[in-house]
Amino acid sequence: MPEPEDLQIELFEGTKERKTGSAGGKAASRRRTVLEALDKNLRSIWEANVDLYRATTADDVTFFEWYISPDRIDGIDFHLREIKVHASVLAEGGAIEHEIMNPRVQFYGPVAIVTYTLMIRSISGGKVTHKSHHETRVFHETGTAEAPEWKLVHCHKSPVSTVDSLGVLRG
């Protein structure tokens, strides 16, 4: 039986893409590799896995996170500290998971741009909370054809217009 992450990746790959020939198969394989890097990057945050986060993120990564700061966040250090916060939530019996909805991957040489809606499900204190926002993540291919290694170099998050997000946006 496939792991949950594999099932989510399978959902990303439409039936049409799985049935394509060798050229389409190579593109689908490259797309799958980027989506796997995205999933690993997100899971590293929820699981408080600093080593995996470092392996999937460039040191000079940049972020626009509307709910954290009105300014651009530069470098990996801020998020390494954030991972410690996630670790404390997990230590209290909480859990965080995600679903990536309607992903699109665009390639420009060694750069992949992934756009999607991220749904986050957190469980803490016997309560389940759902939050969503739109994301654009830019990955740069730093490996080889035989061993691709995609690293996150930029992320931009935008709110989904919900009662919760409008409260944050309008104060």
N, C-alpha and C. Protein backbone atom coordinates (compact mmCIF):
# COMPACT_ATOMS: atom_id res chain seq x y z
N MET A 1 0.85 -1.19 0.00
CA MET A 1 0.00 0.00 0.00
C MET A 1 0.89 1.25 0.00
N PRO A 2 0.61 2.20 -0.85
CA PRO A 2 1.44 3.41 -0.90
C PRO A 2 1.34 4.22 0.39
N GLU A 3 2.42 4.92 0.70
CA GLU A 3 2.43 5.84 1.84
C GLU A 3 1.55 7.04 1.51
N PRO A 4 1.03 7.77 2.53
CA PRO A 4 0.19 8.95 2.25
C PRO A 4 0.86 9.95 1.32
N GLU A 5 2.18 10.18 1.48
CA GLU A 5 2.86 11.12 0.62
C GLU A 5 2.82 10.66 -0.83
N ASP A 6 2.97 9.33 -1.06
CA ASP A 6 2.91 8.79 -2.41
C ASP A 6 1.52 8.97 -3.00
N LEU A 7 0.49 8.78 -2.19
CA LEU A 7 -0.87 8.98 -2.68
C LEU A 7 -1.09 10.42 -3.10
N GLN A 8 -0.56 11.36 -2.31
CA GLN A 8 -0.72 12.76 -2.67
C GLN A 8 0.01 13.06 -3.98
N ILE A 9 1.22 12.52 -4.13
CA ILE A 9 1.97 12.73 -5.37
C ILE A 9 1.18 12.12 -6.54
N GLU A 10 0.58 10.94 -6.34
CA GLU A 10 -0.23 10.33 -7.38
C GLU A 10 -1.37 11.24 -7.79
N LEU A 11 -1.99 11.92 -6.84
CA LEU A 11 -3.07 12.84 -7.16
C LEU A 11 -2.56 13.99 -8.02
N PHE A 12 -1.30 14.40 -7.81
CA PHE A 12 -0.72 15.49 -8.59
C PHE A 12 -0.60 15.10 -10.06
N GLU A 13 -0.31 13.83 -10.28
CA GLU A 13 -0.02 13.37 -11.63
C GLU A 13 -1.32 12.87 -12.25
N GLY A 14 -1.91 13.67 -13.10
CA GLY A 14 -3.17 13.28 -13.72
C GLY A 14 -3.02 12.01 -14.52
N THR A 15 -4.12 11.32 -14.76
CA THR A 15 -4.11 10.08 -15.51
C THR A 15 -3.48 10.28 -16.87
N LYS A 16 -3.77 11.41 -17.52
CA LYS A 16 -3.21 11.70 -18.84
C LYS A 16 -1.69 11.71 -18.80
N GLU A 17 -1.10 12.33 -17.77
CA GLU A 17 0.36 12.41 -17.68
C GLU A 17 0.97 11.03 -17.47
N ARG A 18 0.32 10.16 -16.71
CA ARG A 18 0.88 8.84 -16.44
C ARG A 18 0.88 7.98 -17.69
N LYS A 19 -0.02 8.28 -18.65
CA LYS A 19 -0.14 7.46 -19.85
C LYS A 19 0.70 7.97 -21.01
N THR A 20 1.43 9.05 -20.82
CA THR A 20 2.20 9.63 -21.93
C THR A 20 3.41 8.77 -22.23
N GLY A 21 3.99 9.03 -23.41
CA GLY A 21 5.16 8.29 -23.85
C GLY A 21 6.42 8.71 -23.13
N SER A 22 7.59 8.35 -23.71
CA SER A 22 8.86 8.59 -23.03
C SER A 22 9.15 10.06 -22.82
N ALA A 23 8.85 10.92 -23.80
CA ALA A 23 9.10 12.35 -23.60
C ALA A 23 8.21 12.89 -22.49
N GLY A 24 6.93 12.53 -22.54
CA GLY A 24 6.01 12.93 -21.48
C GLY A 24 6.39 12.29 -20.15
N GLY A 25 6.90 11.07 -20.22
CA GLY A 25 7.31 10.37 -19.00
C GLY A 25 8.47 11.07 -18.32
N LYS A 26 9.40 11.61 -19.11
CA LYS A 26 10.54 12.34 -18.55
C LYS A 26 10.07 13.63 -17.88
N ALA A 27 9.15 14.34 -18.53
CA ALA A 27 8.61 15.58 -17.95
C ALA A 27 7.82 15.26 -16.68
N ALA A 28 7.03 14.19 -16.71
CA ALA A 28 6.26 13.80 -15.53
C ALA A 28 7.18 13.39 -14.40
N SER A 29 8.28 12.73 -14.73
CA SER A 29 9.25 12.32 -13.72
C SER A 29 9.91 13.54 -13.08
N ARG A 30 10.26 14.52 -13.91
CA ARG A 30 10.89 15.75 -13.38
C ARG A 30 9.89 16.50 -12.50
N ARG A 31 8.65 16.56 -12.94
CA ARG A 31 7.59 17.21 -12.16
C ARG A 31 7.41 16.50 -10.83
N ARG A 32 7.39 15.18 -10.86
CA ARG A 32 7.22 14.40 -9.64
C ARG A 32 8.38 14.66 -8.67
N THR A 33 9.60 14.75 -9.19
CA THR A 33 10.78 15.00 -8.36
C THR A 33 10.66 16.35 -7.65
N VAL A 34 10.18 17.37 -8.36
CA VAL A 34 10.00 18.69 -7.75
C VAL A 34 8.89 18.63 -6.69
N LEU A 35 7.78 17.96 -6.99
CA LEU A 35 6.70 17.86 -6.02
C LEU A 35 7.12 17.06 -4.78
N GLU A 36 7.98 16.08 -4.97
CA GLU A 36 8.53 15.34 -3.82
C GLU A 36 9.42 16.24 -2.98
N ALA A 37 10.23 17.10 -3.63
CA ALA A 37 11.07 18.06 -2.89
C ALA A 37 10.19 19.03 -2.11
N LEU A 38 9.11 19.49 -2.72
CA LEU A 38 8.17 20.38 -2.04
C LEU A 38 7.56 19.68 -0.82
N ASP A 39 7.11 18.47 -0.99
CA ASP A 39 6.51 17.72 0.12
C ASP A 39 7.52 17.51 1.24
N LYS A 40 8.75 17.14 0.91
CA LYS A 40 9.80 16.96 1.93
C LYS A 40 10.06 18.26 2.67
N ASN A 41 10.11 19.36 1.92
CA ASN A 41 10.37 20.66 2.53
C ASN A 41 9.26 21.00 3.54
N LEU A 42 8.02 20.83 3.15
CA LEU A 42 6.91 21.13 4.06
C LEU A 42 6.90 20.18 5.26
N ARG A 43 7.08 18.89 5.00
CA ARG A 43 7.09 17.92 6.12
C ARG A 43 8.22 18.20 7.10
N SER A 44 9.35 18.69 6.60
CA SER A 44 10.47 18.99 7.50
C SER A 44 10.07 20.04 8.52
N ILE A 45 9.20 20.97 8.13
CA ILE A 45 8.73 22.00 9.05
C ILE A 45 7.79 21.38 10.08
N TRP A 46 6.79 20.66 9.61
CA TRP A 46 5.79 20.08 10.53
C TRP A 46 6.41 19.07 11.47
N GLU A 47 7.42 18.34 10.99
CA GLU A 47 8.06 17.31 11.80
C GLU A 47 9.26 17.84 12.57
N ALA A 48 9.54 19.12 12.45
CA ALA A 48 10.67 19.77 13.13
C ALA A 48 11.99 19.08 12.82
N ASN A 49 12.18 18.76 11.54
CA ASN A 49 13.38 18.07 11.08
C ASN A 49 14.34 19.08 10.44
N VAL A 50 15.23 19.62 11.25
CA VAL A 50 16.16 20.66 10.81
C VAL A 50 17.05 20.16 9.68
N ASP A 51 17.55 18.92 9.76
CA ASP A 51 18.43 18.40 8.73
C ASP A 51 17.73 18.31 7.37
N LEU A 52 16.49 17.84 7.37
CA LEU A 52 15.74 17.75 6.11
C LEU A 52 15.43 19.14 5.58
N TYR A 53 15.12 20.09 6.46
CA TYR A 53 14.86 21.45 6.01
C TYR A 53 16.10 22.04 5.35
N ARG A 54 17.26 21.86 5.98
CA ARG A 54 18.51 22.36 5.40
C ARG A 54 18.79 21.69 4.05
N ALA A 55 18.47 20.41 3.93
CA ALA A 55 18.74 19.68 2.68
C ALA A 55 17.83 20.13 1.54
N THR A 56 16.68 20.72 1.85
CA THR A 56 15.72 21.10 0.81
C THR A 56 15.59 22.62 0.64
N THR A 57 16.40 23.39 1.36
CA THR A 57 16.28 24.85 1.34
C THR A 57 17.66 25.50 1.16
N ALA A 58 17.74 26.48 0.28
CA ALA A 58 18.99 27.22 0.08
C ALA A 58 19.23 28.14 1.28
N ASP A 59 20.48 28.35 1.62
CA ASP A 59 20.83 29.22 2.76
C ASP A 59 20.32 30.65 2.56
N ASP A 60 20.29 31.11 1.31
CA ASP A 60 19.87 32.49 1.04
C ASP A 60 18.40 32.59 0.60
N VAL A 61 17.59 31.64 1.01
CA VAL A 61 16.17 31.62 0.67
C VAL A 61 15.49 32.93 1.08
N THR A 62 14.48 33.33 0.32
CA THR A 62 13.70 34.52 0.66
C THR A 62 12.22 34.12 0.77
N PHE A 63 11.51 34.82 1.67
CA PHE A 63 10.10 34.55 1.91
C PHE A 63 9.31 35.84 2.01
N PHE A 64 8.09 35.82 1.48
CA PHE A 64 7.06 36.79 1.80
C PHE A 64 5.96 36.00 2.48
N GLU A 65 5.76 36.23 3.77
CA GLU A 65 4.73 35.52 4.53
C GLU A 65 3.80 36.57 5.15
N TRP A 66 2.69 36.80 4.52
CA TRP A 66 1.76 37.88 4.86
C TRP A 66 1.32 37.85 6.32
N TYR A 67 1.25 36.69 6.94
CA TYR A 67 0.73 36.57 8.30
C TYR A 67 1.83 36.68 9.36
N ILE A 68 3.09 36.75 8.93
CA ILE A 68 4.20 36.84 9.87
C ILE A 68 4.83 38.23 9.85
N SER A 69 5.10 38.75 8.65
CA SER A 69 5.82 40.02 8.56
C SER A 69 5.39 40.77 7.30
N PRO A 70 5.31 42.09 7.37
CA PRO A 70 5.04 42.87 6.16
C PRO A 70 6.28 43.00 5.27
N ASP A 71 7.43 42.58 5.79
CA ASP A 71 8.70 42.68 5.06
C ASP A 71 9.14 41.31 4.57
N ARG A 72 10.01 41.33 3.58
CA ARG A 72 10.63 40.09 3.09
C ARG A 72 11.50 39.50 4.20
N ILE A 73 11.48 38.18 4.35
CA ILE A 73 12.32 37.48 5.31
C ILE A 73 13.46 36.84 4.52
N ASP A 74 14.70 37.20 4.85
CA ASP A 74 15.87 36.72 4.13
C ASP A 74 16.62 35.66 4.93
N GLY A 75 17.02 34.61 4.24
CA GLY A 75 17.90 33.60 4.84
C GLY A 75 17.16 32.50 5.57
N ILE A 76 17.87 31.41 5.77
CA ILE A 76 17.32 30.20 6.36
C ILE A 76 17.17 30.29 7.89
N ASP A 77 17.92 31.16 8.54
CA ASP A 77 17.96 31.19 10.01
C ASP A 77 16.60 31.42 10.66
N PHE A 78 15.80 32.34 10.12
CA PHE A 78 14.48 32.61 10.69
C PHE A 78 13.66 31.33 10.75
N HIS A 79 13.66 30.57 9.68
CA HIS A 79 12.83 29.37 9.63
C HIS A 79 13.41 28.23 10.47
N LEU A 80 14.70 28.21 10.66
CA LEU A 80 15.27 27.21 11.58
C LEU A 80 14.76 27.47 12.99
N ARG A 81 14.62 28.76 13.36
CA ARG A 81 14.04 29.09 14.68
C ARG A 81 12.56 28.73 14.72
N GLU A 82 11.84 28.95 13.63
CA GLU A 82 10.41 28.60 13.57
C GLU A 82 10.21 27.09 13.74
N ILE A 83 11.12 26.31 13.19
CA ILE A 83 11.01 24.86 13.32
C ILE A 83 11.04 24.45 14.80
N LYS A 84 11.81 25.16 15.61
CA LYS A 84 11.85 24.87 17.05
C LYS A 84 10.48 25.11 17.69
N VAL A 85 9.74 26.11 17.21
CA VAL A 85 8.39 26.36 17.71
C VAL A 85 7.49 25.17 17.36
N HIS A 86 7.60 24.69 16.13
CA HIS A 86 6.82 23.52 15.73
C HIS A 86 7.17 22.31 16.60
N ALA A 87 8.45 22.17 16.93
CA ALA A 87 8.88 21.06 17.77
C ALA A 87 8.20 21.13 19.14
N SER A 88 8.06 22.33 19.69
CA SER A 88 7.41 22.44 21.00
C SER A 88 5.93 22.10 20.92
N VAL A 89 5.27 22.45 19.82
CA VAL A 89 3.86 22.10 19.64
C VAL A 89 3.73 20.58 19.53
N LEU A 90 4.62 19.97 18.77
CA LEU A 90 4.58 18.52 18.61
C LEU A 90 4.85 17.81 19.93
N ALA A 91 5.72 18.38 20.75
CA ALA A 91 6.05 17.78 22.05
C ALA A 91 4.85 17.79 22.99
N GLU A 92 3.92 18.71 22.78
CA GLU A 92 2.72 18.80 23.60
C GLU A 92 1.61 17.89 23.08
N GLY A 93 1.93 17.03 22.14
CA GLY A 93 0.95 16.10 21.60
C GLY A 93 0.22 16.61 20.37
N GLY A 94 0.68 17.71 19.81
CA GLY A 94 0.07 18.26 18.61
C GLY A 94 0.59 17.59 17.36
N ALA A 95 -0.11 17.83 16.28
CA ALA A 95 0.32 17.30 14.98
C ALA A 95 -0.06 18.32 13.91
N ILE A 96 0.76 18.39 12.88
CA ILE A 96 0.51 19.29 11.75
C ILE A 96 0.71 18.48 10.48
N GLU A 97 -0.23 18.65 9.56
CA GLU A 97 -0.09 17.99 8.26
C GLU A 97 -0.61 18.93 7.19
N HIS A 98 -0.39 18.58 5.94
CA HIS A 98 -0.77 19.47 4.85
C HIS A 98 -1.31 18.70 3.66
N GLU A 99 -2.01 19.44 2.83
CA GLU A 99 -2.41 18.95 1.51
C GLU A 99 -2.11 20.05 0.52
N ILE A 100 -1.60 19.66 -0.63
CA ILE A 100 -1.27 20.60 -1.69
C ILE A 100 -2.36 20.44 -2.75
N MET A 101 -3.10 21.51 -2.97
CA MET A 101 -4.24 21.45 -3.88
C MET A 101 -3.93 22.15 -5.19
N ASN A 102 -4.26 21.47 -6.28
CA ASN A 102 -4.17 22.01 -7.63
C ASN A 102 -2.77 22.55 -7.95
N PRO A 103 -1.72 21.74 -7.76
CA PRO A 103 -0.37 22.26 -8.04
C PRO A 103 -0.11 22.39 -9.54
N ARG A 104 0.65 23.40 -9.86
CA ARG A 104 1.15 23.58 -11.22
C ARG A 104 2.65 23.76 -11.13
N VAL A 105 3.39 23.03 -11.96
CA VAL A 105 4.85 23.13 -11.99
C VAL A 105 5.26 23.65 -13.36
N GLN A 106 6.05 24.73 -13.35
CA GLN A 106 6.58 25.31 -14.58
C GLN A 106 8.11 25.24 -14.51
N PHE A 107 8.73 24.81 -15.60
CA PHE A 107 10.18 24.70 -15.65
C PHE A 107 10.78 25.76 -16.56
N TYR A 108 11.86 26.36 -16.08
CA TYR A 108 12.65 27.31 -16.85
C TYR A 108 14.11 26.94 -16.61
N GLY A 109 14.61 26.01 -17.43
CA GLY A 109 15.97 25.50 -17.23
C GLY A 109 16.08 24.84 -15.87
N PRO A 110 17.04 25.26 -15.05
CA PRO A 110 17.23 24.63 -13.75
C PRO A 110 16.33 25.21 -12.65
N VAL A 111 15.29 25.94 -13.06
CA VAL A 111 14.37 26.57 -12.10
C VAL A 111 12.97 25.98 -12.29
N ALA A 112 12.33 25.66 -11.18
CA ALA A 112 10.95 25.19 -11.20
C ALA A 112 10.12 26.11 -10.32
N ILE A 113 8.99 26.54 -10.85
CA ILE A 113 8.05 27.37 -10.10
C ILE A 113 6.82 26.52 -9.84
N VAL A 114 6.47 26.40 -8.56
CA VAL A 114 5.32 25.59 -8.17
C VAL A 114 4.29 26.52 -7.53
N THR A 115 3.07 26.52 -8.08
CA THR A 115 1.98 27.31 -7.51
C THR A 115 0.87 26.35 -7.10
N TYR A 116 0.22 26.67 -5.97
CA TYR A 116 -0.81 25.77 -5.43
C TYR A 116 -1.51 26.46 -4.26
N THR A 117 -2.54 25.83 -3.76
CA THR A 117 -3.16 26.25 -2.52
C THR A 117 -2.74 25.23 -1.46
N LEU A 118 -2.24 25.74 -0.34
CA LEU A 118 -1.79 24.87 0.75
C LEU A 118 -2.87 24.85 1.83
N MET A 119 -3.33 23.66 2.17
CA MET A 119 -4.26 23.48 3.28
C MET A 119 -3.47 22.85 4.42
N ILE A 120 -3.49 23.50 5.57
CA ILE A 120 -2.78 23.01 6.75
C ILE A 120 -3.81 22.57 7.78
N ARG A 121 -3.60 21.38 8.29
CA ARG A 121 -4.47 20.82 9.32
C ARG A 121 -3.61 20.66 10.57
N SER A 122 -4.00 21.32 11.66
CA SER A 122 -3.24 21.16 12.90
C SER A 122 -4.16 20.62 13.98
N ILE A 123 -3.59 19.73 14.77
CA ILE A 123 -4.31 19.10 15.86
C ILE A 123 -3.55 19.43 17.14
N SER A 124 -4.23 20.09 18.06
CA SER A 124 -3.60 20.46 19.32
C SER A 124 -4.68 20.60 20.38
N GLY A 125 -4.44 20.03 21.53
CA GLY A 125 -5.39 20.13 22.63
C GLY A 125 -6.75 19.54 22.29
N GLY A 126 -6.77 18.50 21.47
CA GLY A 126 -8.02 17.87 21.10
C GLY A 126 -8.84 18.65 20.08
N LYS A 127 -8.25 19.69 19.50
CA LYS A 127 -8.96 20.54 18.55
C LYS A 127 -8.26 20.47 17.19
N VAL A 128 -9.05 20.41 16.13
CA VAL A 128 -8.52 20.41 14.77
C VAL A 128 -8.79 21.78 14.15
N THR A 129 -7.74 22.38 13.58
CA THR A 129 -7.86 23.68 12.93
C THR A 129 -7.39 23.55 11.49
N HIS A 130 -8.12 24.16 10.59
CA HIS A 130 -7.75 24.18 9.17
C HIS A 130 -7.45 25.61 8.76
N LYS A 131 -6.37 25.79 8.04
CA LYS A 131 -6.00 27.09 7.48
C LYS A 131 -5.54 26.85 6.04
N SER A 132 -5.78 27.82 5.20
CA SER A 132 -5.34 27.72 3.81
C SER A 132 -4.75 29.04 3.34
N HIS A 133 -3.81 28.95 2.43
CA HIS A 133 -3.31 30.12 1.73
C HIS A 133 -2.71 29.67 0.40
N HIS A 134 -2.52 30.62 -0.48
CA HIS A 134 -1.91 30.34 -1.78
C HIS A 134 -0.39 30.48 -1.64
N GLU A 135 0.33 29.63 -2.35
CA GLU A 135 1.79 29.71 -2.32
C GLU A 135 2.37 29.62 -3.72
N THR A 136 3.48 30.31 -3.88
CA THR A 136 4.37 30.14 -5.02
C THR A 136 5.72 29.81 -4.42
N ARG A 137 6.27 28.67 -4.79
CA ARG A 137 7.60 28.28 -4.34
C ARG A 137 8.50 28.09 -5.55
N VAL A 138 9.69 28.65 -5.46
CA VAL A 138 10.65 28.57 -6.55
C VAL A 138 11.79 27.67 -6.09
N PHE A 139 12.05 26.64 -6.89
CA PHE A 139 13.13 25.69 -6.60
C PHE A 139 14.21 25.81 -7.66
N HIS A 140 15.46 25.60 -7.24
CA HIS A 140 16.60 25.61 -8.15
C HIS A 140 17.24 24.23 -8.12
N GLU A 141 17.52 23.70 -9.30
CA GLU A 141 18.11 22.36 -9.41
C GLU A 141 19.61 22.48 -9.23
N THR A 142 20.14 21.85 -8.17
CA THR A 142 21.56 21.97 -7.86
C THR A 142 22.30 20.64 -8.01
N GLY A 143 21.60 19.58 -8.37
CA GLY A 143 22.23 18.27 -8.48
C GLY A 143 22.66 17.98 -9.90
N THR A 144 22.56 16.72 -10.27
CA THR A 144 22.91 16.26 -11.61
C THR A 144 21.70 15.58 -12.24
N ALA A 145 21.79 15.24 -13.51
CA ALA A 145 20.69 14.55 -14.19
C ALA A 145 20.42 13.20 -13.52
N GLU A 146 21.49 12.55 -13.07
CA GLU A 146 21.34 11.25 -12.42
C GLU A 146 20.85 11.37 -10.98
N ALA A 147 21.20 12.46 -10.33
CA ALA A 147 20.82 12.67 -8.92
C ALA A 147 20.33 14.12 -8.74
N PRO A 148 19.11 14.40 -9.21
CA PRO A 148 18.61 15.78 -9.08
C PRO A 148 18.44 16.17 -7.62
N GLU A 149 18.73 17.42 -7.34
CA GLU A 149 18.58 17.95 -5.99
C GLU A 149 17.98 19.34 -6.10
N TRP A 150 16.70 19.42 -5.80
CA TRP A 150 15.98 20.68 -5.89
C TRP A 150 15.97 21.35 -4.52
N LYS A 151 16.32 22.65 -4.49
CA LYS A 151 16.32 23.41 -3.24
C LYS A 151 15.40 24.61 -3.37
N LEU A 152 14.67 24.88 -2.31
CA LEU A 152 13.80 26.04 -2.25
C LEU A 152 14.65 27.29 -2.18
N VAL A 153 14.38 28.26 -3.09
CA VAL A 153 15.12 29.52 -3.08
C VAL A 153 14.20 30.72 -2.79
N HIS A 154 12.90 30.55 -3.01
CA HIS A 154 11.96 31.65 -2.72
C HIS A 154 10.56 31.09 -2.50
N CYS A 155 9.83 31.75 -1.58
CA CYS A 155 8.43 31.40 -1.33
C CYS A 155 7.63 32.68 -1.12
N HIS A 156 6.49 32.73 -1.75
CA HIS A 156 5.57 33.87 -1.57
C HIS A 156 4.21 33.30 -1.21
N LYS A 157 3.66 33.76 -0.09
CA LYS A 157 2.36 33.29 0.39
C LYS A 157 1.35 34.42 0.30
N SER A 158 0.15 34.08 -0.13
CA SER A 158 -0.94 35.05 -0.23
C SER A 158 -2.16 34.48 0.47
N PRO A 159 -2.93 35.33 1.12
CA PRO A 159 -4.10 34.82 1.84
C PRO A 159 -5.20 34.35 0.90
N VAL A 160 -5.96 33.37 1.38
CA VAL A 160 -7.21 32.98 0.75
C VAL A 160 -8.27 33.79 1.49
N SER A 161 -9.16 34.40 0.78
CA SER A 161 -10.17 35.25 1.43
C SER A 161 -11.18 34.40 2.20
N THR A 162 -10.94 34.32 3.50
CA THR A 162 -11.85 33.64 4.41
C THR A 162 -12.12 34.57 5.57
N VAL A 163 -13.03 34.21 6.44
CA VAL A 163 -13.30 35.03 7.61
C VAL A 163 -12.02 35.21 8.42
N ASP A 164 -11.24 34.14 8.62
CA ASP A 164 -9.99 34.23 9.38
C ASP A 164 -8.98 35.16 8.71
N SER A 165 -8.77 35.01 7.39
CA SER A 165 -7.75 35.83 6.74
C SER A 165 -8.19 37.29 6.67
N LEU A 166 -9.46 37.55 6.48
CA LEU A 166 -9.91 38.94 6.42
C LEU A 166 -9.71 39.62 7.77
N GLY A 167 -9.86 38.87 8.88
CA GLY A 167 -9.61 39.44 10.20
C GLY A 167 -8.16 39.86 10.36
N VAL A 168 -7.25 39.07 9.82
CA VAL A 168 -5.82 39.41 9.89
C VAL A 168 -5.54 40.61 9.00
N LEU A 169 -6.10 40.61 7.79
CA LEU A 169 -5.82 41.67 6.83
C LEU A 169 -6.42 43.00 7.24
N ARG A 170 -7.60 42.96 7.84
CA ARG A 170 -8.28 44.21 8.17
C ARG A 170 -8.14 44.61 9.63
N GLY A 171 -7.53 43.76 10.43
CA GLY A 171 -7.31 44.07 11.84
C GLY A 171 -8.52 43.99 12.59
